[in-house]
Protein backbone atom coordinates (compact mmCIF):
# COMPACT_ATOMS: atom_id res chain seq x y z
CA MET A 1 -93.13 1.75 -25.44
CA THR A 2 -95.64 4.60 -25.82
CA ILE A 3 -94.31 7.24 -28.22
CA THR A 4 -97.62 8.75 -29.32
CA TYR A 5 -101.02 8.69 -27.62
CA LYS A 6 -104.45 10.27 -27.89
CA VAL A 7 -105.86 12.88 -25.50
CA LYS A 8 -109.37 14.10 -26.37
CA ASN A 9 -109.00 15.03 -30.05
CA GLY A 10 -105.26 15.57 -30.04
CA ILE A 11 -102.24 13.35 -30.64
CA TYR A 12 -99.50 13.72 -28.05
CA VAL A 13 -95.81 12.94 -28.60
CA ASN A 14 -93.73 11.44 -25.78
CA MET A 15 -90.06 11.76 -26.80
CA THR A 16 -88.21 11.95 -23.49
CA ASN A 17 -88.55 11.41 -19.75
CA ARG A 18 -85.84 13.97 -18.97
CA CYS A 19 -86.87 17.17 -17.19
CA PRO A 20 -84.87 19.87 -15.38
CA CYS A 21 -87.70 20.42 -12.89
CA ALA A 22 -89.18 18.36 -10.07
CA CYS A 23 -92.52 20.11 -9.67
CA THR A 24 -94.36 19.38 -6.44
CA PHE A 25 -97.59 18.80 -8.40
CA CYS A 26 -96.12 16.76 -11.28
CA LEU A 27 -98.50 14.16 -12.71
CA ARG A 28 -95.64 11.67 -13.00
CA LYS A 29 -95.94 11.09 -9.25
CA ASN A 30 -99.48 9.77 -9.64
CA GLY A 31 -98.95 6.86 -12.03
CA ASP A 32 -97.39 5.52 -15.20
CA GLY A 33 -99.69 7.32 -17.65
CA VAL A 34 -102.35 9.99 -18.11
CA TYR A 35 -105.83 10.15 -19.65
CA GLY A 36 -105.95 6.37 -19.99
CA SER A 37 -102.66 6.07 -21.89
CA ASP A 38 -100.31 3.12 -21.56
CA SER A 39 -97.14 3.72 -19.55
CA LEU A 40 -95.30 6.88 -20.63
CA TRP A 41 -92.07 5.80 -19.00
CA LEU A 42 -89.75 5.14 -21.94
CA GLU A 43 -87.39 2.17 -22.15
CA ARG A 44 -85.15 4.49 -24.19
CA GLU A 45 -85.61 7.69 -26.13
CA PRO A 46 -87.07 6.92 -29.57
CA GLU A 47 -85.19 7.92 -32.69
CA VAL A 48 -86.69 10.61 -34.93
CA ARG A 49 -87.68 8.01 -37.55
CA GLU A 50 -89.48 5.97 -34.88
CA VAL A 51 -91.45 9.01 -33.79
CA CYS A 52 -92.40 9.77 -37.40
CA MET A 53 -93.43 6.16 -37.98
CA SER A 54 -95.56 6.22 -34.84
CA LEU A 55 -97.28 9.42 -36.01
CA ASP A 56 -97.98 7.93 -39.43
CA ARG A 57 -100.08 5.24 -37.78
CA TRP A 58 -102.65 7.90 -36.87
CA ASP A 59 -104.98 9.60 -39.32
CA LEU A 60 -103.58 12.96 -38.30
CA PRO A 61 -105.87 15.23 -40.38
CA LYS A 62 -108.80 13.97 -38.30
CA PHE A 63 -107.29 15.44 -35.12
CA ASP A 64 -107.37 19.02 -33.83
CA GLU A 65 -103.68 19.29 -33.06
CA LEU A 66 -100.37 17.54 -32.47
CA VAL A 67 -98.84 18.20 -29.04
CA PHE A 68 -95.29 17.58 -27.89
CA CYS A 69 -96.00 16.62 -24.28
CA GLY A 70 -95.27 13.37 -22.50
CA TYR A 71 -93.50 12.31 -19.31
CA GLY A 72 -90.66 14.78 -19.75
CA GLU A 73 -89.73 18.24 -21.00
CA PRO A 74 -89.97 18.23 -24.83
CA THR A 75 -87.24 20.83 -25.35
CA GLU A 76 -84.72 18.44 -23.80
CA ARG A 77 -84.75 17.07 -27.36
CA LEU A 78 -85.40 20.32 -29.20
CA ASP A 79 -83.37 19.52 -32.32
CA ASP A 80 -85.11 16.16 -32.75
CA LEU A 81 -88.49 17.71 -31.92
CA LEU A 82 -88.05 20.28 -34.70
CA GLN A 83 -87.10 17.52 -37.15
CA VAL A 84 -90.33 15.71 -36.31
CA ALA A 85 -92.32 18.94 -36.59
CA GLY A 86 -90.80 19.59 -40.01
CA TYR A 87 -91.74 16.10 -41.12
CA VAL A 88 -95.32 16.57 -39.95
CA LYS A 89 -95.64 20.00 -41.58
CA SER A 90 -94.40 18.57 -44.89
CA ARG A 91 -97.09 15.87 -44.92
CA TYR A 92 -100.07 16.96 -42.86
CA ASP A 93 -102.19 20.02 -42.24
CA ILE A 94 -102.40 19.96 -38.45
CA PRO A 95 -101.49 22.63 -35.87
CA ILE A 96 -98.50 21.80 -33.66
CA ARG A 97 -98.14 22.77 -30.00
CA ILE A 98 -95.33 22.39 -27.48
CA ASN A 99 -96.20 22.11 -23.78
CA THR A 100 -93.05 23.28 -22.01
CA ASN A 101 -91.64 24.56 -18.74
CA GLY A 102 -90.06 27.39 -20.72
CA LEU A 103 -86.47 26.56 -19.80
CA SER A 104 -85.42 25.67 -23.35
CA ASP A 105 -82.72 28.34 -23.54
CA LEU A 106 -81.10 27.09 -20.33
CA ILE A 107 -81.38 23.47 -21.43
CA ASN A 108 -79.90 24.09 -24.86
CA GLY A 109 -77.49 26.91 -24.06
CA ARG A 110 -78.80 29.26 -26.74
CA SER A 111 -81.76 31.42 -27.71
CA THR A 112 -84.16 28.86 -29.14
CA ALA A 113 -87.36 30.79 -29.95
CA PRO A 114 -86.28 31.73 -33.52
CA GLU A 115 -85.95 28.03 -34.34
CA LEU A 116 -89.67 27.50 -33.73
CA ALA A 117 -90.73 29.83 -36.54
CA GLY A 118 -92.82 28.15 -39.24
CA LEU A 119 -92.91 24.83 -37.38
CA ILE A 120 -94.71 25.47 -34.09
CA ASP A 121 -98.16 27.07 -33.97
CA THR A 122 -98.59 27.26 -30.20
CA VAL A 123 -96.18 27.29 -27.28
CA SER A 124 -97.81 26.64 -23.89
CA ILE A 125 -95.45 27.64 -21.08
CA SER A 126 -95.90 26.71 -17.41
CA LEU A 127 -95.81 29.94 -15.42
CA ASN A 128 -97.20 28.53 -12.16
CA ALA A 129 -96.01 31.35 -9.88
CA THR A 130 -95.82 35.13 -9.77
CA ASN A 131 -92.28 35.48 -8.42
CA ALA A 132 -88.95 33.70 -8.54
CA GLN A 133 -88.98 32.46 -4.95
CA ASP A 134 -92.40 30.78 -5.16
CA TYR A 135 -91.54 29.34 -8.58
CA TYR A 136 -88.33 27.84 -7.23
CA LYS A 137 -90.14 26.22 -4.29
CA LEU A 138 -92.92 24.88 -6.50
CA CYS A 139 -91.01 23.72 -9.58
CA ARG A 140 -87.55 23.04 -8.09
CA PRO A 141 -85.57 23.63 -11.31
CA ARG A 142 -81.99 22.37 -11.37
CA PHE A 143 -80.87 25.68 -12.90
CA GLY A 144 -81.65 27.54 -9.67
CA ILE A 145 -83.49 30.70 -8.78
CA GLY A 146 -82.70 32.37 -12.11
CA SER A 147 -84.93 29.87 -13.89
CA TYR A 148 -88.02 32.03 -13.38
CA ASP A 149 -86.60 35.02 -15.23
CA ALA A 150 -85.27 32.71 -17.96
CA MET A 151 -88.76 31.27 -18.40
CA LEU A 152 -90.29 34.75 -18.68
CA SER A 153 -87.61 35.75 -21.18
CA PHE A 154 -88.31 32.66 -23.27
CA ALA A 155 -92.01 33.47 -23.34
CA ARG A 156 -91.33 37.02 -24.48
CA SER A 157 -88.89 35.84 -27.14
CA CYS A 158 -91.43 33.38 -28.59
CA VAL A 159 -94.01 36.08 -29.38
CA PRO A 160 -92.45 37.25 -32.70
CA TYR A 161 -91.95 33.68 -33.94
CA VAL A 162 -94.94 31.65 -32.74
CA PRO A 163 -98.56 32.61 -33.57
CA HIS A 164 -99.95 31.63 -30.17
CA VAL A 165 -98.00 31.98 -26.92
CA VAL A 166 -99.89 30.81 -23.85
CA MET A 167 -98.80 30.77 -20.22
CA THR A 168 -100.48 28.46 -17.75
CA VAL A 169 -101.04 28.14 -14.02
CA VAL A 170 -102.49 25.13 -12.22
CA ASP A 171 -105.67 25.84 -10.29
CA VAL A 172 -104.73 23.88 -7.16
CA VAL A 173 -101.46 25.76 -6.57
CA THR A 174 -102.67 29.30 -7.30
CA SER A 175 -105.26 31.49 -5.60
CA PRO A 176 -107.68 33.66 -7.61
CA GLU A 177 -105.51 36.66 -6.70
CA GLU A 178 -102.38 34.92 -8.00
CA GLN A 179 -104.22 33.91 -11.14
CA GLU A 180 -105.13 37.53 -11.83
CA LYS A 181 -101.54 38.61 -11.23
CA SER A 182 -100.39 35.79 -13.52
CA ARG A 183 -102.74 37.08 -16.19
CA ARG A 184 -101.14 40.51 -16.00
CA ILE A 185 -97.64 38.97 -16.19
CA ALA A 186 -98.57 36.94 -19.26
CA GLU A 187 -100.16 39.90 -21.00
CA SER A 188 -97.11 42.07 -20.28
CA LEU A 189 -95.03 39.54 -22.22
CA GLY A 190 -97.47 39.42 -25.16
CA ALA A 191 -98.94 36.07 -24.13
CA LYS A 192 -102.33 34.87 -22.92
CA LEU A 193 -103.03 33.07 -19.64
CA ARG A 194 -104.83 29.78 -19.22
CA VAL A 195 -105.75 28.34 -15.82
CA ARG A 196 -105.35 24.58 -15.98
CA ALA A 197 -107.44 22.17 -13.94
CA TYR A 198 -105.23 19.74 -12.02
CA GLU A 199 -105.67 16.22 -13.35
CA GLY A 200 -104.34 14.37 -10.33
C-alpha cells in the first residue's frame, strides 16, 4: 500500500482515495499511479502513526517539500492531515503543501483555514474554471453548483493563515483567455495563479 511516494524532489502523502469531485480530467482515470509510483489505490486509509512511520523512512531534509496529494482529496482527512503536519514540523525543517480542490469547508462543515496556521506553508487550490456553471460541468462536485463559490471563499480565507496561496488551472481545459481571467480571479482573492500542464 503506497502511503508516501517521491515526485521530482518532493515527498507526497497519499492518505485517502475519497473525493467529493469527479473531474472530467482526473488522473485517476488513466492508471493506478502517477510519475512512476506504485498503485495509489489504498486497501484502507492508513492510521496517522502509519503515515508518520512511512515519512520517517525518507531523509526528509534532503527534499524540497512535503505535499499532501494522492489519489483523493486530502482535506477529507483534515484532522489527521494536521496531526501528521504537526509531527513533521516538530521533527523536520521542510515546507508543507496541500494540493486541494478547495472544498474543505463543505467537507468538514466548518471554516477550516484558521486550522492551517503554523502547519501548512502552501495551499494549492484547483480553480479550473471562471464561473460556477463551467466549474460544475468540469469538476462535478457532489455539493452542487454552490461548490464554486465555496472554493473561492476558502481560497480567500486561507490568505491570512497560509504564507502561500496558489490557485491552479489545467492547460488542456482552459483557453489563454480563460487563463488570464483566472489570473485576475486569483489575484482578487489574494492568491497567485499557476497554469498546470496536464500529465495524462
